[in-house]
Amino acid sequence: MKTTKRPRAAHTVGQAVAVAVLIAGTTLLGASPSYADDGPSVPPGTEATSEPPVPVDPNDPDLKMPEGGTLAPGRVLDI
């Protein structure tokens, strides 16, 4: 009985296909779905407000203002 050898190119192509199928299978079947967190996006109590954090007294003598100058109303910029 005569045995025939398989060509080496067909052998390496078969191995490459087997590796590709294995990698694709583990990538597609091994991945778990991800879910978004429904919690708050900022920590509680740190939400931005449009009020100044500290009340400013325009009549305070310790403020370094030129003589006759007045303070503008306080404002907070949301950056």
PDB file of N, CA and C in Angstrom:
ATOM      1  N   MET A   1       0.836  -1.156   0.000  1.00  0.00           N
ATOM      2  CA  MET A   1       0.000   0.000   0.000  1.00  0.00           C
ATOM      3  C   MET A   1       0.898   1.241   0.000  1.00  0.00           C
ATOM      4  N   LYS A   2       0.481   2.212  -0.753  1.00  0.00           N
ATOM      5  CA  LYS A   2       1.278   3.408  -0.926  1.00  0.00           C
ATOM      6  C   LYS A   2       0.641   4.553  -0.133  1.00  0.00           C
ATOM      7  N   THR A   3       1.420   5.229   0.676  1.00  0.00           N
ATOM      8  CA  THR A   3       0.896   6.367   1.441  1.00  0.00           C
ATOM      9  C   THR A   3       1.309   7.650   0.745  1.00  0.00           C
ATOM     10  N   THR A   4       0.392   8.572   0.747  1.00  0.00           N
ATOM     11  CA  THR A   4       0.707   9.865   0.134  1.00  0.00           C
ATOM     12  C   THR A   4       0.854  10.894   1.248  1.00  0.00           C
ATOM     13  N   LYS A   5       1.795  11.768   1.060  1.00  0.00           N
ATOM     14  CA  LYS A   5       2.012  12.821   2.044  1.00  0.00           C
ATOM     15  C   LYS A   5       1.190  14.038   1.654  1.00  0.00           C
ATOM     16  N   ARG A   6       0.680  14.658   2.634  1.00  0.00           N
ATOM     17  CA  ARG A   6      -0.072  15.887   2.415  1.00  0.00           C
ATOM     18  C   ARG A   6       0.914  17.015   2.120  1.00  0.00           C
ATOM     19  N   PRO A   7       0.603  17.903   1.190  1.00  0.00           N
ATOM     20  CA  PRO A   7       1.522  19.010   0.919  1.00  0.00           C
ATOM     21  C   PRO A   7       1.661  19.907   2.154  1.00  0.00           C
ATOM     22  N   ARG A   8       2.871  20.421   2.360  1.00  0.00           N
ATOM     23  CA  ARG A   8       3.138  21.231   3.543  1.00  0.00           C
ATOM     24  C   ARG A   8       2.300  22.513   3.538  1.00  0.00           C
ATOM     25  N   ALA A   9       2.046  23.120   2.400  1.00  0.00           N
ATOM     26  CA  ALA A   9       1.263  24.355   2.320  1.00  0.00           C
ATOM     27  C   ALA A   9      -0.152  24.123   2.825  1.00  0.00           C
ATOM     28  N   ALA A  10      -0.758  23.008   2.480  1.00  0.00           N
ATOM     29  CA  ALA A  10      -2.113  22.713   2.939  1.00  0.00           C
ATOM     30  C   ALA A  10      -2.128  22.498   4.446  1.00  0.00           C
ATOM     31  N   HIS A  11      -1.074  21.940   4.982  1.00  0.00           N
ATOM     32  CA  HIS A  11      -0.980  21.692   6.416  1.00  0.00           C
ATOM     33  C   HIS A  11      -0.914  23.011   7.191  1.00  0.00           C
ATOM     34  N   THR A  12      -0.101  23.968   6.720  1.00  0.00           N
ATOM     35  CA  THR A  12       0.026  25.247   7.418  1.00  0.00           C
ATOM     36  C   THR A  12      -1.219  26.102   7.248  1.00  0.00           C
ATOM     37  N   VAL A  13      -1.884  25.990   6.093  1.00  0.00           N
ATOM     38  CA  VAL A  13      -3.133  26.731   5.896  1.00  0.00           C
ATOM     39  C   VAL A  13      -4.192  26.199   6.848  1.00  0.00           C
ATOM     40  N   GLY A  14      -4.242  24.901   7.013  1.00  0.00           N
ATOM     41  CA  GLY A  14      -5.206  24.306   7.943  1.00  0.00           C
ATOM     42  C   GLY A  14      -4.952  24.747   9.374  1.00  0.00           C
ATOM     43  N   GLN A  15      -3.691  24.830   9.764  1.00  0.00           N
ATOM     44  CA  GLN A  15      -3.368  25.302  11.108  1.00  0.00           C
ATOM     45  C   GLN A  15      -3.749  26.769  11.279  1.00  0.00           C
ATOM     46  N   ALA A  16      -3.507  27.578  10.269  1.00  0.00           N
ATOM     47  CA  ALA A  16      -3.841  29.000  10.344  1.00  0.00           C
ATOM     48  C   ALA A  16      -5.344  29.198  10.474  1.00  0.00           C
ATOM     49  N   VAL A  17      -6.114  28.415   9.726  1.00  0.00           N
ATOM     50  CA  VAL A  17      -7.574  28.512   9.809  1.00  0.00           C
ATOM     51  C   VAL A  17      -8.043  28.076  11.195  1.00  0.00           C
ATOM     52  N   ALA A  18      -7.462  27.022  11.736  1.00  0.00           N
ATOM     53  CA  ALA A  18      -7.849  26.544  13.062  1.00  0.00           C
ATOM     54  C   ALA A  18      -7.548  27.590  14.131  1.00  0.00           C
ATOM     55  N   VAL A  19      -6.401  28.236  14.038  1.00  0.00           N
ATOM     56  CA  VAL A  19      -6.049  29.276  15.009  1.00  0.00           C
ATOM     57  C   VAL A  19      -6.988  30.469  14.877  1.00  0.00           C
ATOM     58  N   ALA A  20      -7.308  30.862  13.644  1.00  0.00           N
ATOM     59  CA  ALA A  20      -8.216  31.995  13.430  1.00  0.00           C
ATOM     60  C   ALA A  20      -9.600  31.699  13.992  1.00  0.00           C
ATOM     61  N   VAL A  21     -10.096  30.489  13.786  1.00  0.00           N
ATOM     62  CA  VAL A  21     -11.412  30.116  14.316  1.00  0.00           C
ATOM     63  C   VAL A  21     -11.378  30.100  15.842  1.00  0.00           C
ATOM     64  N   LEU A  22     -10.311  29.614  16.422  1.00  0.00           N
ATOM     65  CA  LEU A  22     -10.181  29.577  17.877  1.00  0.00           C
ATOM     66  C   LEU A  22     -10.162  30.986  18.466  1.00  0.00           C
ATOM     67  N   ILE A  23      -9.394  31.886  17.867  1.00  0.00           N
ATOM     68  CA  ILE A  23      -9.316  33.263  18.371  1.00  0.00           C
ATOM     69  C   ILE A  23     -10.650  33.973  18.206  1.00  0.00           C
ATOM     70  N   ALA A  24     -11.292  33.817  17.049  1.00  0.00           N
ATOM     71  CA  ALA A  24     -12.587  34.463  16.826  1.00  0.00           C
ATOM     72  C   ALA A  24     -13.635  33.916  17.786  1.00  0.00           C
ATOM     73  N   GLY A  25     -13.614  32.629  18.034  1.00  0.00           N
ATOM     74  CA  GLY A  25     -14.588  32.036  18.945  1.00  0.00           C
ATOM     75  C   GLY A  25     -14.430  32.519  20.368  1.00  0.00           C
ATOM     76  N   THR A  26     -13.197  32.618  20.842  1.00  0.00           N
ATOM     77  CA  THR A  26     -13.000  33.093  22.212  1.00  0.00           C
ATOM     78  C   THR A  26     -13.293  34.578  22.336  1.00  0.00           C
ATOM     79  N   THR A  27     -13.069  35.325  21.262  1.00  0.00           N
ATOM     80  CA  THR A  27     -13.372  36.751  21.308  1.00  0.00           C
ATOM     81  C   THR A  27     -14.874  36.985  21.326  1.00  0.00           C
ATOM     82  N   LEU A  28     -15.603  36.289  20.483  1.00  0.00           N
ATOM     83  CA  LEU A  28     -17.043  36.518  20.384  1.00  0.00           C
ATOM     84  C   LEU A  28     -17.821  35.862  21.520  1.00  0.00           C
ATOM     85  N   LEU A  29     -17.453  34.669  21.899  1.00  0.00           N
ATOM     86  CA  LEU A  29     -18.216  33.957  22.917  1.00  0.00           C
ATOM     87  C   LEU A  29     -17.717  34.243  24.325  1.00  0.00           C
ATOM     88  N   GLY A  30     -16.494  34.646  24.477  1.00  0.00           N
ATOM     89  CA  GLY A  30     -15.941  34.888  25.800  1.00  0.00           C
ATOM     90  C   GLY A  30     -16.197  36.292  26.316  1.00  0.00           C
ATOM     91  N   ALA A  31     -16.677  37.189  25.467  1.00  0.00           N
ATOM     92  CA  ALA A  31     -16.908  38.567  25.887  1.00  0.00           C
ATOM     93  C   ALA A  31     -18.226  38.666  26.636  1.00  0.00           C
ATOM     94  N   SER A  32     -18.227  39.433  27.709  1.00  0.00           N
ATOM     95  CA  SER A  32     -19.463  39.643  28.460  1.00  0.00           C
ATOM     96  C   SER A  32     -20.024  41.014  28.107  1.00  0.00           C
ATOM     97  N   PRO A  33     -21.330  41.166  28.131  1.00  0.00           N
ATOM     98  CA  PRO A  33     -21.912  42.468  27.793  1.00  0.00           C
ATOM     99  C   PRO A  33     -21.605  43.496  28.881  1.00  0.00           C
ATOM    100  N   SER A  34     -21.496  44.738  28.481  1.00  0.00           N
ATOM    101  CA  SER A  34     -21.252  45.806  29.451  1.00  0.00           C
ATOM    102  C   SER A  34     -22.526  46.625  29.610  1.00  0.00           C
ATOM    103  N   TYR A  35     -22.744  47.092  30.807  1.00  0.00           N
ATOM    104  CA  TYR A  35     -23.943  47.861  31.116  1.00  0.00           C
ATOM    105  C   TYR A  35     -23.535  49.217  31.678  1.00  0.00           C
ATOM    106  N   ALA A  36     -24.323  50.241  31.347  1.00  0.00           N
ATOM    107  CA  ALA A  36     -24.046  51.582  31.846  1.00  0.00           C
ATOM    108  C   ALA A  36     -24.488  51.688  33.300  1.00  0.00           C
ATOM    109  N   ASP A  37     -23.767  52.486  34.059  1.00  0.00           N
ATOM    110  CA  ASP A  37     -24.118  52.716  35.450  1.00  0.00           C
ATOM    111  C   ASP A  37     -25.212  53.771  35.496  1.00  0.00           C
ATOM    112  N   ASP A  38     -26.292  53.483  36.196  1.00  0.00           N
ATOM    113  CA  ASP A  38     -27.407  54.421  36.272  1.00  0.00           C
ATOM    114  C   ASP A  38     -27.263  55.399  37.425  1.00  0.00           C
ATOM    115  N   GLY A  39     -26.168  55.363  38.139  1.00  0.00           N
ATOM    116  CA  GLY A  39     -25.961  56.240  39.286  1.00  0.00           C
ATOM    117  C   GLY A  39     -25.703  57.671  38.847  1.00  0.00           C
ATOM    118  N   PRO A  40     -25.530  58.560  39.812  1.00  0.00           N
ATOM    119  CA  PRO A  40     -25.272  59.965  39.462  1.00  0.00           C
ATOM    120  C   PRO A  40     -23.909  60.121  38.806  1.00  0.00           C
ATOM    121  N   SER A  41     -23.800  61.112  37.923  1.00  0.00           N
ATOM    122  CA  SER A  41     -22.544  61.323  37.216  1.00  0.00           C
ATOM    123  C   SER A  41     -21.555  62.130  38.048  1.00  0.00           C
ATOM    124  N   VAL A  42     -22.041  62.864  39.035  1.00  0.00           N
ATOM    125  CA  VAL A  42     -21.171  63.613  39.945  1.00  0.00           C
ATOM    126  C   VAL A  42     -21.492  63.177  41.366  1.00  0.00           C
ATOM    127  N   PRO A  43     -20.541  63.248  42.268  1.00  0.00           N
ATOM    128  CA  PRO A  43     -20.825  62.872  43.650  1.00  0.00           C
ATOM    129  C   PRO A  43     -21.898  63.773  44.251  1.00  0.00           C
ATOM    130  N   PRO A  44     -22.761  63.234  45.094  1.00  0.00           N
ATOM    131  CA  PRO A  44     -23.820  64.054  45.701  1.00  0.00           C
ATOM    132  C   PRO A  44     -23.224  65.206  46.512  1.00  0.00           C
ATOM    133  N   GLY A  45     -23.842  66.362  46.392  1.00  0.00           N
ATOM    134  CA  GLY A  45     -23.389  67.536  47.126  1.00  0.00           C
ATOM    135  C   GLY A  45     -22.350  68.358  46.404  1.00  0.00           C
ATOM    136  N   THR A  46     -21.926  67.945  45.213  1.00  0.00           N
ATOM    137  CA  THR A  46     -20.921  68.712  44.477  1.00  0.00           C
ATOM    138  C   THR A  46     -21.493  69.303  43.192  1.00  0.00           C
ATOM    139  N   GLU A  47     -22.802  69.374  43.089  1.00  0.00           N
ATOM    140  CA  GLU A  47     -23.412  69.948  41.896  1.00  0.00           C
ATOM    141  C   GLU A  47     -23.076  71.439  41.822  1.00  0.00           C
ATOM    142  N   ALA A  48     -22.902  71.952  40.623  1.00  0.00           N
ATOM    143  CA  ALA A  48     -22.570  73.360  40.429  1.00  0.00           C
ATOM    144  C   ALA A  48     -23.782  74.233  40.727  1.00  0.00           C
ATOM    145  N   THR A  49     -23.550  75.346  41.397  1.00  0.00           N
ATOM    146  CA  THR A  49     -24.614  76.308  41.680  1.00  0.00           C
ATOM    147  C   THR A  49     -24.179  77.663  41.139  1.00  0.00           C
ATOM    148  N   SER A  50     -25.133  78.548  40.956  1.00  0.00           N
ATOM    149  CA  SER A  50     -24.810  79.877  40.457  1.00  0.00           C
ATOM    150  C   SER A  50     -24.709  80.885  41.598  1.00  0.00           C
ATOM    151  N   GLU A  51     -24.731  80.423  42.836  1.00  0.00           N
ATOM    152  CA  GLU A  51     -24.607  81.313  43.986  1.00  0.00           C
ATOM    153  C   GLU A  51     -23.146  81.387  44.418  1.00  0.00           C
ATOM    154  N   PRO A  52     -22.712  82.534  44.937  1.00  0.00           N
ATOM    155  CA  PRO A  52     -21.340  82.591  45.443  1.00  0.00           C
ATOM    156  C   PRO A  52     -21.205  81.703  46.680  1.00  0.00           C
ATOM    157  N   PRO A  53     -20.061  81.054  46.865  1.00  0.00           N
ATOM    158  CA  PRO A  53     -19.910  80.145  47.998  1.00  0.00           C
ATOM    159  C   PRO A  53     -19.880  80.857  49.350  1.00  0.00           C
ATOM    160  N   VAL A  54     -19.431  82.112  49.380  1.00  0.00           N
ATOM    161  CA  VAL A  54     -19.348  82.872  50.626  1.00  0.00           C
ATOM    162  C   VAL A  54     -19.982  84.234  50.381  1.00  0.00           C
ATOM    163  N   PRO A  55     -20.848  84.692  51.288  1.00  0.00           N
ATOM    164  CA  PRO A  55     -21.405  86.036  51.092  1.00  0.00           C
ATOM    165  C   PRO A  55     -20.306  87.104  51.229  1.00  0.00           C
ATOM    166  N   VAL A  56     -20.355  88.088  50.354  1.00  0.00           N
ATOM    167  CA  VAL A  56     -19.356  89.156  50.344  1.00  0.00           C
ATOM    168  C   VAL A  56     -19.999  90.415  50.902  1.00  0.00           C
ATOM    169  N   ASP A  57     -19.333  91.026  51.887  1.00  0.00           N
ATOM    170  CA  ASP A  57     -19.829  92.266  52.490  1.00  0.00           C
ATOM    171  C   ASP A  57     -19.180  93.446  51.769  1.00  0.00           C
ATOM    172  N   PRO A  58     -19.953  94.214  51.002  1.00  0.00           N
ATOM    173  CA  PRO A  58     -19.347  95.337  50.267  1.00  0.00           C
ATOM    174  C   PRO A  58     -18.886  96.471  51.176  1.00  0.00           C
ATOM    175  N   ASN A  59     -19.309  96.503  52.436  1.00  0.00           N
ATOM    176  CA  ASN A  59     -18.911  97.573  53.358  1.00  0.00           C
ATOM    177  C   ASN A  59     -17.762  97.154  54.279  1.00  0.00           C
ATOM    178  N   ASP A  60     -17.106  96.046  54.032  1.00  0.00           N
ATOM    179  CA  ASP A  60     -16.013  95.555  54.863  1.00  0.00           C
ATOM    180  C   ASP A  60     -14.799  96.474  54.702  1.00  0.00           C
ATOM    181  N   PRO A  61     -14.261  97.036  55.819  1.00  0.00           N
ATOM    182  CA  PRO A  61     -13.125  97.959  55.694  1.00  0.00           C
ATOM    183  C   PRO A  61     -11.809  97.262  55.356  1.00  0.00           C
ATOM    184  N   ASP A  62     -11.732  95.931  55.517  1.00  0.00           N
ATOM    185  CA  ASP A  62     -10.485  95.225  55.232  1.00  0.00           C
ATOM    186  C   ASP A  62     -10.282  94.921  53.749  1.00  0.00           C
ATOM    187  N   LEU A  63     -11.281  95.161  52.934  1.00  0.00           N
ATOM    188  CA  LEU A  63     -11.129  94.912  51.503  1.00  0.00           C
ATOM    189  C   LEU A  63     -10.206  95.963  50.896  1.00  0.00           C
ATOM    190  N   LYS A  64      -9.358  95.558  50.003  1.00  0.00           N
ATOM    191  CA  LYS A  64      -8.399  96.474  49.378  1.00  0.00           C
ATOM    192  C   LYS A  64      -9.029  97.082  48.120  1.00  0.00           C
ATOM    193  N   MET A  65      -9.852  98.070  48.319  1.00  0.00           N
ATOM    194  CA  MET A  65     -10.514  98.756  47.206  1.00  0.00           C
ATOM    195  C   MET A  65     -10.022 100.202  47.172  1.00  0.00           C
ATOM    196  N   PRO A  66      -9.960 100.788  45.982  1.00  0.00           N
ATOM    197  CA  PRO A  66      -9.620 102.212  45.937  1.00  0.00           C
ATOM    198  C   PRO A  66     -10.726 103.043  46.600  1.00  0.00           C
ATOM    199  N   GLU A  67     -10.362 104.203  47.044  1.00  0.00           N
ATOM    200  CA  GLU A  67     -11.323 105.078  47.724  1.00  0.00           C
ATOM    201  C   GLU A  67     -12.503 105.389  46.805  1.00  0.00           C
ATOM    202  N   GLY A  68     -13.712 105.149  47.300  1.00  0.00           N
ATOM    203  CA  GLY A  68     -14.924 105.427  46.534  1.00  0.00           C
ATOM    204  C   GLY A  68     -15.366 104.273  45.651  1.00  0.00           C
ATOM    205  N   GLY A  69     -14.604 103.186  45.578  1.00  0.00           N
ATOM    206  CA  GLY A  69     -14.976 102.038  44.746  1.00  0.00           C
ATOM    207  C   GLY A  69     -16.018 101.159  45.433  1.00  0.00           C
ATOM    208  N   THR A  70     -16.815 100.457  44.653  1.00  0.00           N
ATOM    209  CA  THR A  70     -17.824  99.537  45.198  1.00  0.00           C
ATOM    210  C   THR A  70     -17.643  98.169  44.547  1.00  0.00           C
ATOM    211  N   LEU A  71     -18.084  97.157  45.249  1.00  0.00           N
ATOM    212  CA  LEU A  71     -17.999  95.798  44.723  1.00  0.00           C
ATOM    213  C   LEU A  71     -19.184  95.493  43.821  1.00  0.00           C
ATOM    214  N   ALA A  72     -18.929  94.768  42.772  1.00  0.00           N
ATOM    215  CA  ALA A  72     -20.014  94.279  41.911  1.00  0.00           C
ATOM    216  C   ALA A  72     -20.679  93.099  42.614  1.00  0.00           C
ATOM    217  N   PRO A  73     -21.899  92.742  42.197  1.00  0.00           N
ATOM    218  CA  PRO A  73     -22.533  91.566  42.807  1.00  0.00           C
ATOM    219  C   PRO A  73     -21.687  90.312  42.563  1.00  0.00           C
ATOM    220  N   GLY A  74     -21.675  89.421  43.546  1.00  0.00           N
ATOM    221  CA  GLY A  74     -20.888  88.204  43.421  1.00  0.00           C
ATOM    222  C   GLY A  74     -21.447  87.275  42.358  1.00  0.00           C
ATOM    223  N   ARG A  75     -20.568  86.553  41.686  1.00  0.00           N
ATOM    224  CA  ARG A  75     -21.016  85.572  40.697  1.00  0.00           C
ATOM    225  C   ARG A  75     -19.998  84.440  40.623  1.00  0.00           C
ATOM    226  N   VAL A  76     -20.492  83.280  40.248  1.00  0.00           N
ATOM    227  CA  VAL A  76     -19.654  82.093  40.139  1.00  0.00           C
ATOM    228  C   VAL A  76     -19.701  81.622  38.697  1.00  0.00           C
ATOM    229  N   LEU A  77     -18.539  81.390  38.105  1.00  0.00           N
ATOM    230  CA  LEU A  77     -18.479  80.897  36.734  1.00  0.00           C
ATOM    231  C   LEU A  77     -18.378  79.384  36.748  1.00  0.00           C
ATOM    232  N   ASP A  78     -19.266  78.712  36.027  1.00  0.00           N
ATOM    233  CA  ASP A  78     -19.208  77.258  35.902  1.00  0.00           C
ATOM    234  C   ASP A  78     -18.198  76.909  34.823  1.00  0.00           C
ATOM    235  N   ILE A  79     -17.091  76.337  35.231  1.00  0.00           N
ATOM    236  CA  ILE A  79     -16.039  75.981  34.276  1.00  0.00           C
ATOM    237  C   ILE A  79     -16.033  74.488  34.101  1.00  0.00           C
TER     238      ILE A  79
END
